[in-house]
């Protein structure tokens, strides 16, 4: 499948229904906003039903709307400058209803995670953690609190958990120096 959704839409445009052409036009002109909309919000903005948006994503060959949205987000990640990204984020927040905007975004992310996570991989990761000789957990900067949270709760269940502290790079190295086969290293990180 083509990586650039705009090129893909242009290539497939002769097949689109009237509603799908409306979606295509909106995405072409406002891809920076559309990439962060739910299917329902995109449909409402364009003036079509949510199911039309989902069918449009399928028509383009995506495995549902979340796949198409990821393609749009990947495209803007490659095209937008940092200043433009901040502007997009600011526009996404409905100042009149910040709580609803944040919680709706969180619910959408949870829904997407449920759709995308490979259950076998998840269960395999749990098994590896449970049978590990030692579990090392590291999270630096903005990820520190999540690493501490995970370390705290795993420590209640298991006695082989080591939280790697990030006071300096050399100290981190010294703390993980003794990792061996049979150990598990969990790193938590966010992209900038």
N, C-alpha and C. Protein backbone atom coordinates (compact mmCIF):
# COMPACT_ATOMS: atom_id res chain seq x y z
N UNK A 1 0.84 -1.19 0.00
CA UNK A 1 0.00 0.00 0.00
C UNK A 1 0.88 1.24 0.00
N UNK A 2 0.43 2.27 -0.69
CA UNK A 2 1.19 3.51 -0.74
C UNK A 2 1.21 4.15 0.64
N UNK A 3 2.34 4.73 0.99
CA UNK A 3 2.47 5.32 2.32
C UNK A 3 1.82 6.69 2.41
N UNK A 4 1.81 7.45 1.33
CA UNK A 4 1.24 8.78 1.35
C UNK A 4 -0.25 8.69 1.01
N UNK A 5 -1.08 8.95 2.01
CA UNK A 5 -2.52 8.81 1.83
C UNK A 5 -3.07 9.78 0.78
N UNK A 6 -2.47 10.96 0.64
CA UNK A 6 -2.94 11.92 -0.35
C UNK A 6 -2.74 11.37 -1.76
N UNK A 7 -1.59 10.75 -2.01
CA UNK A 7 -1.34 10.15 -3.32
C UNK A 7 -2.30 8.98 -3.55
N UNK A 8 -2.55 8.21 -2.51
CA UNK A 8 -3.47 7.08 -2.62
C UNK A 8 -4.89 7.56 -2.93
N UNK A 9 -5.35 8.61 -2.25
CA UNK A 9 -6.69 9.14 -2.51
C UNK A 9 -6.79 9.67 -3.94
N UNK A 10 -5.75 10.34 -4.40
CA UNK A 10 -5.76 10.87 -5.76
C UNK A 10 -5.85 9.73 -6.77
N UNK A 11 -5.12 8.66 -6.53
CA UNK A 11 -5.10 7.51 -7.43
C UNK A 11 -6.46 6.80 -7.48
N UNK A 12 -7.14 6.74 -6.33
CA UNK A 12 -8.40 5.99 -6.23
C UNK A 12 -9.64 6.87 -6.40
N UNK A 13 -9.49 8.17 -6.62
CA UNK A 13 -10.61 9.11 -6.57
C UNK A 13 -11.72 8.82 -7.58
N UNK A 14 -11.41 8.18 -8.69
CA UNK A 14 -12.44 7.88 -9.69
C UNK A 14 -13.48 6.89 -9.18
N UNK A 15 -13.19 6.16 -8.12
CA UNK A 15 -14.11 5.15 -7.56
C UNK A 15 -15.04 5.72 -6.49
N UNK A 16 -14.79 6.94 -6.02
CA UNK A 16 -15.48 7.45 -4.84
C UNK A 16 -16.92 7.86 -5.12
N UNK A 17 -17.77 7.64 -4.11
CA UNK A 17 -19.14 8.15 -4.13
C UNK A 17 -19.10 9.65 -3.81
N UNK A 18 -20.25 10.29 -3.87
CA UNK A 18 -20.32 11.72 -3.58
C UNK A 18 -19.82 12.03 -2.17
N UNK A 19 -20.28 11.26 -1.19
CA UNK A 19 -19.87 11.45 0.20
C UNK A 19 -18.38 11.21 0.37
N UNK A 20 -17.86 10.20 -0.30
CA UNK A 20 -16.44 9.90 -0.20
C UNK A 20 -15.60 10.99 -0.85
N UNK A 21 -16.10 11.60 -1.91
CA UNK A 21 -15.37 12.72 -2.52
C UNK A 21 -15.33 13.91 -1.56
N UNK A 22 -16.40 14.09 -0.79
CA UNK A 22 -16.42 15.17 0.21
C UNK A 22 -15.35 14.92 1.28
N UNK A 23 -15.24 13.66 1.73
CA UNK A 23 -14.23 13.30 2.72
C UNK A 23 -12.84 13.52 2.12
N UNK A 24 -12.65 13.08 0.90
CA UNK A 24 -11.37 13.21 0.22
C UNK A 24 -10.97 14.69 0.12
N UNK A 25 -11.91 15.53 -0.27
CA UNK A 25 -11.62 16.96 -0.41
C UNK A 25 -11.22 17.55 0.94
N UNK A 26 -11.98 17.21 1.99
CA UNK A 26 -11.67 17.75 3.32
C UNK A 26 -10.28 17.31 3.78
N UNK A 27 -9.98 16.01 3.62
CA UNK A 27 -8.67 15.51 4.07
C UNK A 27 -7.55 16.17 3.27
N UNK A 28 -7.74 16.33 1.98
CA UNK A 28 -6.71 16.95 1.15
C UNK A 28 -6.42 18.37 1.61
N UNK A 29 -7.47 19.11 1.97
CA UNK A 29 -7.30 20.50 2.36
C UNK A 29 -6.97 20.68 3.84
N UNK A 30 -7.31 19.69 4.68
CA UNK A 30 -7.14 19.84 6.13
C UNK A 30 -6.56 18.58 6.77
N UNK A 31 -5.60 17.93 6.12
CA UNK A 31 -5.09 16.66 6.66
C UNK A 31 -4.50 16.81 8.05
N UNK A 32 -3.97 18.00 8.37
CA UNK A 32 -3.39 18.21 9.69
C UNK A 32 -4.43 18.15 10.79
N UNK A 33 -5.67 18.51 10.48
CA UNK A 33 -6.76 18.42 11.46
C UNK A 33 -7.43 17.05 11.40
N UNK A 34 -7.67 16.56 10.19
CA UNK A 34 -8.37 15.28 10.01
C UNK A 34 -7.63 14.12 10.66
N UNK A 35 -6.32 14.20 10.71
CA UNK A 35 -5.51 13.10 11.25
C UNK A 35 -5.79 12.83 12.72
N UNK A 36 -6.40 13.78 13.41
CA UNK A 36 -6.65 13.61 14.84
C UNK A 36 -8.14 13.56 15.18
N UNK A 37 -8.96 13.43 14.16
CA UNK A 37 -10.41 13.36 14.37
C UNK A 37 -10.85 11.90 14.45
N UNK A 38 -11.88 11.65 15.23
CA UNK A 38 -12.50 10.34 15.22
C UNK A 38 -13.30 10.23 13.93
N UNK A 39 -13.72 9.03 13.58
CA UNK A 39 -14.54 8.83 12.37
C UNK A 39 -15.83 9.63 12.49
N UNK A 40 -16.42 9.65 13.68
CA UNK A 40 -17.66 10.39 13.90
C UNK A 40 -17.47 11.89 13.71
N UNK A 41 -16.39 12.42 14.27
CA UNK A 41 -16.14 13.86 14.15
C UNK A 41 -15.82 14.25 12.71
N UNK A 42 -15.05 13.43 12.01
CA UNK A 42 -14.74 13.71 10.61
C UNK A 42 -16.02 13.69 9.78
N UNK A 43 -16.87 12.70 10.02
CA UNK A 43 -18.14 12.62 9.30
C UNK A 43 -19.01 13.84 9.56
N UNK A 44 -19.09 14.24 10.82
CA UNK A 44 -19.91 15.41 11.18
C UNK A 44 -19.36 16.68 10.53
N UNK A 45 -18.05 16.83 10.54
CA UNK A 45 -17.40 18.01 9.95
C UNK A 45 -17.66 18.08 8.45
N UNK A 46 -17.59 16.94 7.79
CA UNK A 46 -17.76 16.89 6.33
C UNK A 46 -19.23 16.89 5.93
N UNK A 47 -20.09 16.36 6.79
CA UNK A 47 -21.51 16.29 6.49
C UNK A 47 -21.94 14.94 5.96
N UNK A 48 -21.22 13.87 6.41
CA UNK A 48 -21.58 12.51 6.03
C UNK A 48 -21.66 11.68 7.31
N UNK A 49 -22.15 10.46 7.18
CA UNK A 49 -22.27 9.60 8.36
C UNK A 49 -20.92 9.00 8.74
N UNK A 50 -20.83 8.56 9.98
CA UNK A 50 -19.62 7.90 10.46
C UNK A 50 -19.35 6.64 9.64
N UNK A 51 -20.41 5.92 9.28
CA UNK A 51 -20.22 4.69 8.50
C UNK A 51 -19.66 5.00 7.11
N UNK A 52 -19.99 6.16 6.54
CA UNK A 52 -19.41 6.54 5.24
C UNK A 52 -17.91 6.75 5.38
N UNK A 53 -17.48 7.34 6.50
CA UNK A 53 -16.06 7.55 6.75
C UNK A 53 -15.35 6.20 6.88
N UNK A 54 -15.96 5.27 7.61
CA UNK A 54 -15.37 3.94 7.79
C UNK A 54 -15.29 3.20 6.46
N UNK A 55 -16.34 3.28 5.65
CA UNK A 55 -16.32 2.65 4.32
C UNK A 55 -15.25 3.28 3.43
N UNK A 56 -15.07 4.59 3.55
CA UNK A 56 -14.04 5.29 2.78
C UNK A 56 -12.66 4.73 3.11
N UNK A 57 -12.39 4.53 4.41
CA UNK A 57 -11.10 3.97 4.83
C UNK A 57 -10.91 2.57 4.24
N UNK A 58 -11.97 1.78 4.26
CA UNK A 58 -11.89 0.42 3.71
C UNK A 58 -11.68 0.46 2.20
N UNK A 59 -12.35 1.39 1.53
CA UNK A 59 -12.20 1.56 0.08
C UNK A 59 -10.75 1.86 -0.29
N UNK A 60 -10.05 2.58 0.59
CA UNK A 60 -8.65 2.91 0.33
C UNK A 60 -7.72 1.74 0.66
N UNK A 61 -8.28 0.69 1.26
CA UNK A 61 -7.48 -0.49 1.56
C UNK A 61 -6.97 -0.56 2.99
N UNK A 62 -7.46 0.34 3.86
CA UNK A 62 -7.03 0.31 5.25
C UNK A 62 -7.91 -0.66 6.03
N UNK A 63 -7.34 -1.16 7.11
CA UNK A 63 -8.07 -2.09 7.97
C UNK A 63 -8.88 -1.28 8.97
N UNK A 64 -9.88 -0.56 8.47
CA UNK A 64 -10.73 0.28 9.30
C UNK A 64 -10.21 1.70 9.40
N UNK A 65 -10.99 2.54 10.06
CA UNK A 65 -10.64 3.96 10.18
C UNK A 65 -9.36 4.20 10.98
N UNK A 66 -9.12 3.46 12.09
CA UNK A 66 -7.88 3.71 12.84
C UNK A 66 -6.62 3.56 11.98
N UNK A 67 -6.63 2.61 11.05
CA UNK A 67 -5.49 2.43 10.15
C UNK A 67 -5.30 3.62 9.23
N UNK A 68 -6.39 4.17 8.72
CA UNK A 68 -6.29 5.34 7.86
C UNK A 68 -5.82 6.55 8.66
N UNK A 69 -6.32 6.68 9.87
CA UNK A 69 -5.91 7.80 10.71
C UNK A 69 -4.42 7.73 11.04
N UNK A 70 -3.93 6.52 11.31
CA UNK A 70 -2.49 6.35 11.56
C UNK A 70 -1.68 6.77 10.34
N UNK A 71 -2.17 6.43 9.15
CA UNK A 71 -1.47 6.82 7.92
C UNK A 71 -1.43 8.35 7.78
N UNK A 72 -2.53 9.01 8.13
CA UNK A 72 -2.54 10.48 8.07
C UNK A 72 -1.57 11.06 9.10
N UNK A 73 -1.56 10.50 10.30
CA UNK A 73 -0.67 10.99 11.34
C UNK A 73 0.78 10.79 10.96
N UNK A 74 1.09 9.65 10.36
CA UNK A 74 2.46 9.39 9.90
C UNK A 74 2.85 10.40 8.83
N UNK A 75 1.93 10.70 7.95
CA UNK A 75 2.20 11.66 6.89
C UNK A 75 2.50 13.04 7.48
N UNK A 76 1.69 13.49 8.44
CA UNK A 76 1.94 14.83 8.98
C UNK A 76 3.19 14.84 9.85
N UNK A 77 3.51 13.71 10.46
CA UNK A 77 4.75 13.63 11.22
C UNK A 77 5.94 13.91 10.31
N UNK A 78 5.82 13.48 9.07
CA UNK A 78 6.89 13.69 8.11
C UNK A 78 6.84 15.06 7.45
N UNK A 79 5.68 15.71 7.46
CA UNK A 79 5.52 16.96 6.71
C UNK A 79 5.51 18.22 7.58
N UNK A 80 4.98 18.14 8.77
CA UNK A 80 4.81 19.35 9.57
C UNK A 80 6.05 19.70 10.38
N UNK A 81 6.29 20.97 10.55
CA UNK A 81 7.37 21.44 11.42
C UNK A 81 6.89 21.36 12.87
N UNK A 82 7.79 21.54 13.80
CA UNK A 82 7.43 21.50 15.23
C UNK A 82 6.41 22.57 15.56
N UNK A 83 6.57 23.76 15.01
CA UNK A 83 5.62 24.85 15.27
C UNK A 83 4.23 24.49 14.75
N UNK A 84 4.18 23.90 13.56
CA UNK A 84 2.88 23.49 13.00
C UNK A 84 2.23 22.42 13.86
N UNK A 85 3.04 21.49 14.40
CA UNK A 85 2.48 20.44 15.26
C UNK A 85 1.86 21.03 16.52
N UNK A 86 2.52 22.02 17.11
CA UNK A 86 1.99 22.68 18.31
C UNK A 86 0.67 23.37 17.97
N UNK A 87 0.62 24.00 16.82
CA UNK A 87 -0.61 24.67 16.39
C UNK A 87 -1.75 23.67 16.21
N UNK A 88 -1.46 22.52 15.62
CA UNK A 88 -2.48 21.47 15.45
C UNK A 88 -2.98 21.01 16.81
N UNK A 89 -2.06 20.77 17.74
CA UNK A 89 -2.46 20.32 19.08
C UNK A 89 -3.34 21.37 19.76
N UNK A 90 -2.99 22.64 19.61
CA UNK A 90 -3.76 23.71 20.24
C UNK A 90 -5.17 23.77 19.64
N UNK A 91 -5.28 23.57 18.33
CA UNK A 91 -6.59 23.62 17.69
C UNK A 91 -7.48 22.44 18.09
N UNK A 92 -6.85 21.31 18.44
CA UNK A 92 -7.62 20.12 18.81
C UNK A 92 -8.34 20.30 20.13
N UNK A 93 -7.81 21.15 20.98
CA UNK A 93 -8.40 21.32 22.32
C UNK A 93 -9.53 22.32 22.24
N UNK A 94 -10.70 21.85 22.54
CA UNK A 94 -11.88 22.70 22.58
C UNK A 94 -11.83 23.44 23.91
N UNK A 95 -11.47 24.71 23.86
CA UNK A 95 -11.27 25.48 25.09
C UNK A 95 -12.52 25.53 25.96
N UNK A 96 -13.67 25.45 25.36
CA UNK A 96 -14.90 25.50 26.13
C UNK A 96 -15.17 24.22 26.88
N UNK A 97 -14.59 23.12 26.44
CA UNK A 97 -14.88 21.84 27.06
C UNK A 97 -13.62 20.98 27.10
N UNK A 98 -12.62 21.46 27.77
CA UNK A 98 -11.32 20.81 27.82
C UNK A 98 -11.41 19.39 28.40
N UNK A 99 -12.17 19.21 29.47
CA UNK A 99 -12.29 17.90 30.10
C UNK A 99 -12.83 16.87 29.13
N UNK A 100 -13.92 17.21 28.43
CA UNK A 100 -14.49 16.29 27.44
C UNK A 100 -13.49 15.97 26.34
N UNK A 101 -12.76 16.99 25.87
CA UNK A 101 -11.79 16.78 24.79
C UNK A 101 -10.69 15.81 25.23
N UNK A 102 -10.16 16.00 26.42
CA UNK A 102 -9.07 15.15 26.91
C UNK A 102 -9.57 13.72 27.15
N UNK A 103 -10.71 13.58 27.82
CA UNK A 103 -11.23 12.24 28.11
C UNK A 103 -11.66 11.51 26.84
N UNK A 104 -12.23 12.23 25.89
CA UNK A 104 -12.61 11.61 24.60
C UNK A 104 -11.38 11.11 23.86
N UNK A 105 -10.32 11.92 23.88
CA UNK A 105 -9.07 11.50 23.22
C UNK A 105 -8.51 10.25 23.91
N UNK A 106 -8.56 10.22 25.24
CA UNK A 106 -8.07 9.04 25.97
C UNK A 106 -8.91 7.80 25.64
N UNK A 107 -10.22 7.95 25.58
CA UNK A 107 -11.08 6.81 25.24
C UNK A 107 -10.78 6.30 23.83
N UNK A 108 -10.55 7.21 22.91
CA UNK A 108 -10.23 6.83 21.54
C UNK A 108 -8.90 6.08 21.49
N UNK A 109 -7.92 6.53 22.27
CA UNK A 109 -6.62 5.84 22.30
C UNK A 109 -6.76 4.44 22.89
N UNK A 110 -7.57 4.30 23.93
CA UNK A 110 -7.82 2.98 24.51
C UNK A 110 -8.51 2.06 23.50
N UNK A 111 -9.50 2.60 22.79
CA UNK A 111 -10.20 1.83 21.77
C UNK A 111 -9.23 1.38 20.67
N UNK A 112 -8.38 2.28 20.23
CA UNK A 112 -7.40 1.96 19.20
C UNK A 112 -6.42 0.90 19.70
N UNK A 113 -5.99 1.02 20.96
CA UNK A 113 -5.07 0.03 21.54
C UNK A 113 -5.72 -1.35 21.55
N UNK A 114 -6.98 -1.43 21.95
CA UNK A 114 -7.69 -2.71 21.96
C UNK A 114 -7.75 -3.32 20.56
N UNK A 115 -7.94 -2.49 19.55
CA UNK A 115 -8.02 -2.99 18.18
C UNK A 115 -6.67 -3.44 17.66
N UNK A 116 -5.60 -2.77 18.07
CA UNK A 116 -4.30 -3.00 17.46
C UNK A 116 -3.39 -3.97 18.20
N UNK A 117 -3.59 -4.12 19.50
CA UNK A 117 -2.66 -4.95 20.27
C UNK A 117 -2.82 -6.41 19.86
N UNK A 118 -1.67 -7.06 19.70
CA UNK A 118 -1.65 -8.48 19.39
C UNK A 118 -1.71 -9.24 20.71
N UNK A 119 -2.80 -9.93 20.94
CA UNK A 119 -3.03 -10.59 22.23
C UNK A 119 -1.97 -11.66 22.51
N UNK A 120 -1.51 -12.36 21.48
CA UNK A 120 -0.48 -13.37 21.68
C UNK A 120 0.83 -12.73 22.14
N UNK A 121 1.20 -11.61 21.51
CA UNK A 121 2.42 -10.90 21.92
C UNK A 121 2.29 -10.39 23.35
N UNK A 122 1.11 -9.88 23.69
CA UNK A 122 0.88 -9.39 25.05
C UNK A 122 1.05 -10.52 26.07
N UNK A 123 0.40 -11.65 25.81
CA UNK A 123 0.50 -12.79 26.72
C UNK A 123 1.92 -13.32 26.81
N UNK A 124 2.64 -13.30 25.70
CA UNK A 124 4.04 -13.75 25.70
C UNK A 124 4.89 -12.81 26.57
N UNK A 125 4.64 -11.51 26.49
CA UNK A 125 5.37 -10.54 27.31
C UNK A 125 5.09 -10.78 28.79
N UNK A 126 3.84 -11.03 29.14
CA UNK A 126 3.48 -11.32 30.53
C UNK A 126 4.20 -12.57 31.01
N UNK A 127 4.22 -13.61 30.18
CA UNK A 127 4.91 -14.85 30.55
C UNK A 127 6.40 -14.62 30.77
N UNK A 128 7.03 -13.82 29.90
CA UNK A 128 8.46 -13.53 30.04
C UNK A 128 8.74 -12.78 31.34
N UNK A 129 7.87 -11.85 31.69
CA UNK A 129 8.03 -11.10 32.93
C UNK A 129 7.91 -12.03 34.13
N UNK A 130 6.92 -12.92 34.10
CA UNK A 130 6.69 -13.82 35.23
C UNK A 130 7.82 -14.83 35.43
N UNK A 131 8.45 -15.25 34.35
CA UNK A 131 9.51 -16.26 34.50
C UNK A 131 10.92 -15.65 34.55
N UNK A 132 11.03 -14.34 34.50
CA UNK A 132 12.34 -13.67 34.49
C UNK A 132 13.09 -13.89 35.80
N UNK A 133 14.40 -14.00 35.69
CA UNK A 133 15.24 -14.05 36.89
C UNK A 133 15.21 -12.70 37.60
N UNK A 134 15.46 -11.64 36.84
CA UNK A 134 15.41 -10.28 37.36
C UNK A 134 14.71 -9.41 36.33
N UNK A 135 13.88 -8.49 36.80
CA UNK A 135 13.16 -7.55 35.93
C UNK A 135 13.73 -6.16 36.17
N UNK A 136 14.28 -5.57 35.12
CA UNK A 136 14.82 -4.21 35.18
C UNK A 136 13.81 -3.28 34.51
N UNK A 137 13.47 -2.19 35.18
CA UNK A 137 12.52 -1.23 34.62
C UNK A 137 13.19 0.14 34.58
N UNK A 138 13.17 0.77 33.42
CA UNK A 138 13.75 2.10 33.29
C UNK A 138 12.79 3.02 32.53
N UNK A 139 12.70 4.23 33.01
CA UNK A 139 11.96 5.30 32.34
C UNK A 139 12.62 6.60 32.75
N UNK A 140 12.99 7.38 31.78
CA UNK A 140 13.71 8.62 32.08
C UNK A 140 12.86 9.83 31.72
N UNK A 141 13.17 10.92 32.39
CA UNK A 141 12.50 12.19 32.16
C UNK A 141 10.99 12.04 32.33
N UNK A 142 10.21 12.30 31.28
CA UNK A 142 8.75 12.26 31.43
C UNK A 142 8.22 10.85 31.67
N UNK A 143 9.03 9.84 31.44
CA UNK A 143 8.60 8.45 31.63
C UNK A 143 8.91 7.92 33.03
N UNK A 144 9.62 8.70 33.83
CA UNK A 144 10.04 8.25 35.15
C UNK A 144 8.86 7.84 36.03
N UNK A 145 7.80 8.64 36.02
CA UNK A 145 6.67 8.33 36.90
C UNK A 145 6.01 7.01 36.51
N UNK A 146 5.92 6.72 35.19
CA UNK A 146 5.33 5.44 34.78
C UNK A 146 6.23 4.26 35.18
N UNK A 147 7.54 4.44 35.05
CA UNK A 147 8.47 3.38 35.46
C UNK A 147 8.34 3.14 36.97
N UNK A 148 8.26 4.22 37.75
CA UNK A 148 8.09 4.08 39.20
C UNK A 148 6.78 3.37 39.54
N UNK A 149 5.72 3.74 38.85
CA UNK A 149 4.40 3.13 39.06
C UNK A 149 4.45 1.63 38.77
N UNK A 150 5.02 1.29 37.60
CA UNK A 150 5.11 -0.12 37.23
C UNK A 150 6.00 -0.87 38.22
N UNK A 151 7.13 -0.27 38.58
CA UNK A 151 8.04 -0.91 39.53
C UNK A 151 7.40 -1.14 40.88
N UNK A 152 6.65 -0.16 41.35
CA UNK A 152 5.97 -0.29 42.65
C UNK A 152 5.02 -1.48 42.65
N UNK A 153 4.17 -1.57 41.62
CA UNK A 153 3.16 -2.62 41.61
C UNK A 153 3.74 -4.00 41.28
N UNK A 154 4.73 -4.07 40.41
CA UNK A 154 5.37 -5.36 40.17
C UNK A 154 6.11 -5.83 41.42
N UNK A 155 6.66 -4.89 42.17
CA UNK A 155 7.37 -5.22 43.40
C UNK A 155 6.43 -5.80 44.45
N UNK A 156 5.16 -5.43 44.41
CA UNK A 156 4.18 -6.02 45.34
C UNK A 156 3.92 -7.48 45.00
N UNK A 157 4.08 -7.84 43.72
CA UNK A 157 3.79 -9.20 43.26
C UNK A 157 5.01 -10.09 43.19
N UNK A 158 6.16 -9.49 42.86
CA UNK A 158 7.38 -10.26 42.61
C UNK A 158 8.53 -9.67 43.43
N UNK A 159 9.51 -10.52 43.76
CA UNK A 159 10.63 -10.02 44.56
C UNK A 159 11.90 -9.84 43.74
N UNK A 160 11.79 -9.83 42.42
CA UNK A 160 12.98 -9.73 41.58
C UNK A 160 12.94 -8.49 40.67
N UNK A 161 12.35 -7.41 41.16
CA UNK A 161 12.18 -6.19 40.37
C UNK A 161 13.23 -5.16 40.77
N UNK A 162 13.89 -4.58 39.77
CA UNK A 162 14.87 -3.53 40.01
C UNK A 162 14.48 -2.31 39.18
N UNK A 163 14.24 -1.23 39.86
CA UNK A 163 13.93 0.03 39.18
C UNK A 163 15.25 0.74 38.91
N UNK A 164 15.52 1.02 37.65
CA UNK A 164 16.76 1.69 37.27
C UNK A 164 16.55 3.19 37.38
N UNK A 165 17.36 3.84 38.20
CA UNK A 165 17.23 5.28 38.41
C UNK A 165 18.13 6.02 37.43
N UNK A 166 17.67 7.17 36.98
CA UNK A 166 18.38 7.89 35.91
C UNK A 166 19.10 9.14 36.40
N UNK A 167 19.83 9.01 37.49
CA UNK A 167 20.53 10.18 38.01
C UNK A 167 21.67 10.61 37.09
N UNK A 168 22.32 9.65 36.44
CA UNK A 168 23.34 9.98 35.43
C UNK A 168 23.47 8.79 34.49
N UNK A 169 24.00 9.06 33.30
CA UNK A 169 24.13 7.99 32.30
C UNK A 169 25.04 6.89 32.80
N UNK A 170 26.13 7.23 33.45
CA UNK A 170 27.05 6.20 33.93
C UNK A 170 26.39 5.35 35.02
N UNK A 171 25.57 5.96 35.86
CA UNK A 171 24.87 5.18 36.89
C UNK A 171 23.86 4.23 36.28
N UNK A 172 23.19 4.65 35.25
CA UNK A 172 22.24 3.76 34.57
C UNK A 172 23.00 2.56 34.03
N UNK A 173 24.11 2.80 33.39
CA UNK A 173 24.93 1.71 32.86
C UNK A 173 25.35 0.75 33.98
N UNK A 174 25.79 1.30 35.09
CA UNK A 174 26.22 0.47 36.22
C UNK A 174 25.07 -0.37 36.77
N UNK A 175 23.87 0.16 36.73
CA UNK A 175 22.71 -0.56 37.26
C UNK A 175 22.26 -1.70 36.36
N UNK A 176 22.49 -1.59 35.05
CA UNK A 176 22.06 -2.64 34.13
C UNK A 176 23.23 -3.50 33.65
N UNK A 177 24.41 -3.25 34.18
CA UNK A 177 25.62 -3.95 33.77
C UNK A 177 25.50 -5.47 33.94
N UNK A 178 24.76 -5.92 34.92
CA UNK A 178 24.69 -7.35 35.24
C UNK A 178 23.50 -8.07 34.61
N UNK A 179 22.88 -7.48 33.62
CA UNK A 179 21.77 -8.17 32.94
C UNK A 179 22.31 -9.43 32.25
N UNK A 180 21.60 -10.51 32.45
CA UNK A 180 21.99 -11.79 31.86
C UNK A 180 20.82 -12.38 31.09
N UNK A 181 21.12 -13.45 30.39
CA UNK A 181 20.05 -14.19 29.72
C UNK A 181 19.08 -14.67 30.79
N UNK A 182 17.80 -14.56 30.50
CA UNK A 182 16.79 -14.93 31.47
C UNK A 182 16.25 -13.74 32.25
N UNK A 183 16.89 -12.58 32.10
CA UNK A 183 16.39 -11.35 32.72
C UNK A 183 15.50 -10.63 31.71
N UNK A 184 14.68 -9.72 32.21
CA UNK A 184 13.81 -8.90 31.36
C UNK A 184 14.12 -7.43 31.61
N UNK A 185 14.24 -6.68 30.53
CA UNK A 185 14.48 -5.25 30.61
C UNK A 185 13.25 -4.55 30.02
N UNK A 186 12.59 -3.71 30.82
CA UNK A 186 11.42 -2.97 30.35
C UNK A 186 11.80 -1.51 30.30
N UNK A 187 11.78 -0.94 29.11
CA UNK A 187 12.08 0.48 28.92
C UNK A 187 10.83 1.22 28.53
N UNK A 188 10.56 2.33 29.19
CA UNK A 188 9.38 3.14 28.90
C UNK A 188 9.86 4.47 28.35
N UNK A 189 9.32 4.86 27.20
CA UNK A 189 9.78 6.07 26.56
C UNK A 189 8.65 6.72 25.77
N UNK A 190 8.73 8.03 25.62
CA UNK A 190 7.80 8.77 24.77
C UNK A 190 8.61 9.46 23.67
N UNK A 191 8.05 9.53 22.47
CA UNK A 191 8.74 10.32 21.45
C UNK A 191 8.66 11.80 21.82
N UNK A 192 9.63 12.60 21.36
CA UNK A 192 9.59 14.01 21.67
C UNK A 192 8.46 14.68 20.93
